[in-house]
Amino acid sequence: MEHAMRSTYMDAAGLEDATVHCLRHSFAKNLVDTGTPLQVVAQLAGHESLQATRRYVTPSEADLRRAVKGVSWER
């Protein structure tokens, strides 16, 4: 898509500072967070291998902190 047109759509959506890479990463991460199988995420993202998709779904620091907080220490 032409850069000016992409900027127009992103501006209209209130995403002036977003990049295409950021949007793609967020899309893939949100799919994974909702339980979408990695194979489906890979296909939607247009990846030929799961290895490429795994780069988009690396847990964030917030994800890791949430996981630790969810541990039951009463065992």
C-alpha atoms as a PDB file:
ATOM      1  CA  MET A   1       0.000   0.000   0.000  1.00  0.00           C
ATOM      2  CA  GLU A   2       1.291   3.443  -0.816  1.00  0.00           C
ATOM      3  CA  HIS A   3       2.850   5.164   2.235  1.00  0.00           C
ATOM      4  CA  ALA A   4       0.636   8.270   2.048  1.00  0.00           C
ATOM      5  CA  MET A   5      -2.520   6.157   1.869  1.00  0.00           C
ATOM      6  CA  ARG A   6      -1.354   3.988   4.784  1.00  0.00           C
ATOM      7  CA  SER A   7      -0.657   7.139   6.811  1.00  0.00           C
ATOM      8  CA  THR A   8      -4.119   8.469   6.032  1.00  0.00           C
ATOM      9  CA  TYR A   9      -5.790   5.272   7.280  1.00  0.00           C
ATOM     10  CA  MET A  10      -3.602   5.141  10.364  1.00  0.00           C
ATOM     11  CA  ASP A  11      -4.225   8.816  11.141  1.00  0.00           C
ATOM     12  CA  ALA A  12      -7.982   8.325  10.748  1.00  0.00           C
ATOM     13  CA  ALA A  13      -7.802   5.456  13.235  1.00  0.00           C
ATOM     14  CA  GLY A  14      -5.864   7.609  15.702  1.00  0.00           C
ATOM     15  CA  LEU A  15      -2.661   5.626  15.162  1.00  0.00           C
ATOM     16  CA  GLU A  16      -0.380   8.425  14.001  1.00  0.00           C
ATOM     17  CA  ASP A  17       2.678   7.047  15.812  1.00  0.00           C
ATOM     18  CA  ALA A  18       2.088   3.353  15.057  1.00  0.00           C
ATOM     19  CA  THR A  19       4.164   1.399  12.579  1.00  0.00           C
ATOM     20  CA  VAL A  20       3.007  -1.424  10.350  1.00  0.00           C
ATOM     21  CA  HIS A  21       5.380  -3.742  12.222  1.00  0.00           C
ATOM     22  CA  CYS A  22       3.855  -2.708  15.554  1.00  0.00           C
ATOM     23  CA  LEU A  23       0.326  -3.341  14.279  1.00  0.00           C
ATOM     24  CA  ARG A  24       1.305  -6.745  12.878  1.00  0.00           C
ATOM     25  CA  HIS A  25       2.968  -7.737  16.158  1.00  0.00           C
ATOM     26  CA  SER A  26      -0.034  -6.584  18.201  1.00  0.00           C
ATOM     27  CA  PHE A  27      -2.426  -8.472  15.916  1.00  0.00           C
ATOM     28  CA  ALA A  28      -0.468 -11.720  16.279  1.00  0.00           C
ATOM     29  CA  LYS A  29       0.013 -11.267  20.036  1.00  0.00           C
ATOM     30  CA  ASN A  30      -3.695 -10.586  20.591  1.00  0.00           C
ATOM     31  CA  LEU A  31      -4.616 -13.711  18.643  1.00  0.00           C
ATOM     32  CA  VAL A  32      -2.259 -15.820  20.747  1.00  0.00           C
ATOM     33  CA  ASP A  33      -3.531 -14.233  23.975  1.00  0.00           C
ATOM     34  CA  THR A  34      -7.087 -15.260  23.078  1.00  0.00           C
ATOM     35  CA  GLY A  35      -6.025 -18.874  22.593  1.00  0.00           C
ATOM     36  CA  THR A  36      -5.812 -18.938  18.795  1.00  0.00           C
ATOM     37  CA  PRO A  37      -3.589 -21.857  17.728  1.00  0.00           C
ATOM     38  CA  LEU A  38      -0.143 -20.811  16.516  1.00  0.00           C
ATOM     39  CA  GLN A  39      -0.748 -22.453  13.127  1.00  0.00           C
ATOM     40  CA  VAL A  40      -3.782 -20.217  12.578  1.00  0.00           C
ATOM     41  CA  VAL A  41      -1.858 -17.112  13.665  1.00  0.00           C
ATOM     42  CA  ALA A  42       0.938 -18.055  11.239  1.00  0.00           C
ATOM     43  CA  GLN A  43      -1.514 -18.386   8.365  1.00  0.00           C
ATOM     44  CA  LEU A  44      -3.257 -15.091   9.158  1.00  0.00           C
ATOM     45  CA  ALA A  45       0.102 -13.334   9.399  1.00  0.00           C
ATOM     46  CA  GLY A  46       1.209 -14.862   6.087  1.00  0.00           C
ATOM     47  CA  HIS A  47       4.166 -16.740   7.557  1.00  0.00           C
ATOM     48  CA  GLU A  48       5.521 -19.827   5.856  1.00  0.00           C
ATOM     49  CA  SER A  49       6.910 -21.290   9.081  1.00  0.00           C
ATOM     50  CA  LEU A  50       5.973 -21.348  12.748  1.00  0.00           C
ATOM     51  CA  GLN A  51       9.470 -20.103  13.571  1.00  0.00           C
ATOM     52  CA  ALA A  52       8.626 -16.741  11.992  1.00  0.00           C
ATOM     53  CA  THR A  53       5.403 -16.551  13.984  1.00  0.00           C
ATOM     54  CA  ARG A  54       7.097 -17.385  17.281  1.00  0.00           C
ATOM     55  CA  ARG A  55       9.048 -14.127  17.043  1.00  0.00           C
ATOM     56  CA  TYR A  56       5.769 -12.215  17.175  1.00  0.00           C
ATOM     57  CA  VAL A  57       4.450 -14.045  20.206  1.00  0.00           C
ATOM     58  CA  THR A  58       7.363 -13.822  22.613  1.00  0.00           C
ATOM     59  CA  PRO A  59       5.940 -13.021  26.052  1.00  0.00           C
ATOM     60  CA  SER A  60       6.311  -9.424  27.149  1.00  0.00           C
ATOM     61  CA  GLU A  61       7.611  -8.438  30.575  1.00  0.00           C
ATOM     62  CA  ALA A  62       4.011  -7.791  31.632  1.00  0.00           C
ATOM     63  CA  ASP A  63       3.059 -11.326  30.496  1.00  0.00           C
ATOM     64  CA  LEU A  64       5.880 -12.803  32.570  1.00  0.00           C
ATOM     65  CA  ARG A  65       4.940 -10.761  35.647  1.00  0.00           C
ATOM     66  CA  ARG A  66       1.292 -11.834  35.308  1.00  0.00           C
ATOM     67  CA  ALA A  67       2.364 -15.479  35.122  1.00  0.00           C
ATOM     68  CA  VAL A  68       4.436 -15.211  38.303  1.00  0.00           C
ATOM     69  CA  LYS A  69       1.620 -13.421  40.144  1.00  0.00           C
ATOM     70  CA  GLY A  70      -0.705 -16.277  39.188  1.00  0.00           C
ATOM     71  CA  VAL A  71       1.427 -18.889  40.980  1.00  0.00           C
ATOM     72  CA  SER A  72      -0.182 -20.315  44.085  1.00  0.00           C
ATOM     73  CA  TRP A  73       2.342 -20.193  46.934  1.00  0.00           C
ATOM     74  CA  GLU A  74       0.030 -22.106  49.303  1.00  0.00           C
ATOM     75  CA  ARG A  75       1.098 -25.693  48.588  1.00  0.00           C
END
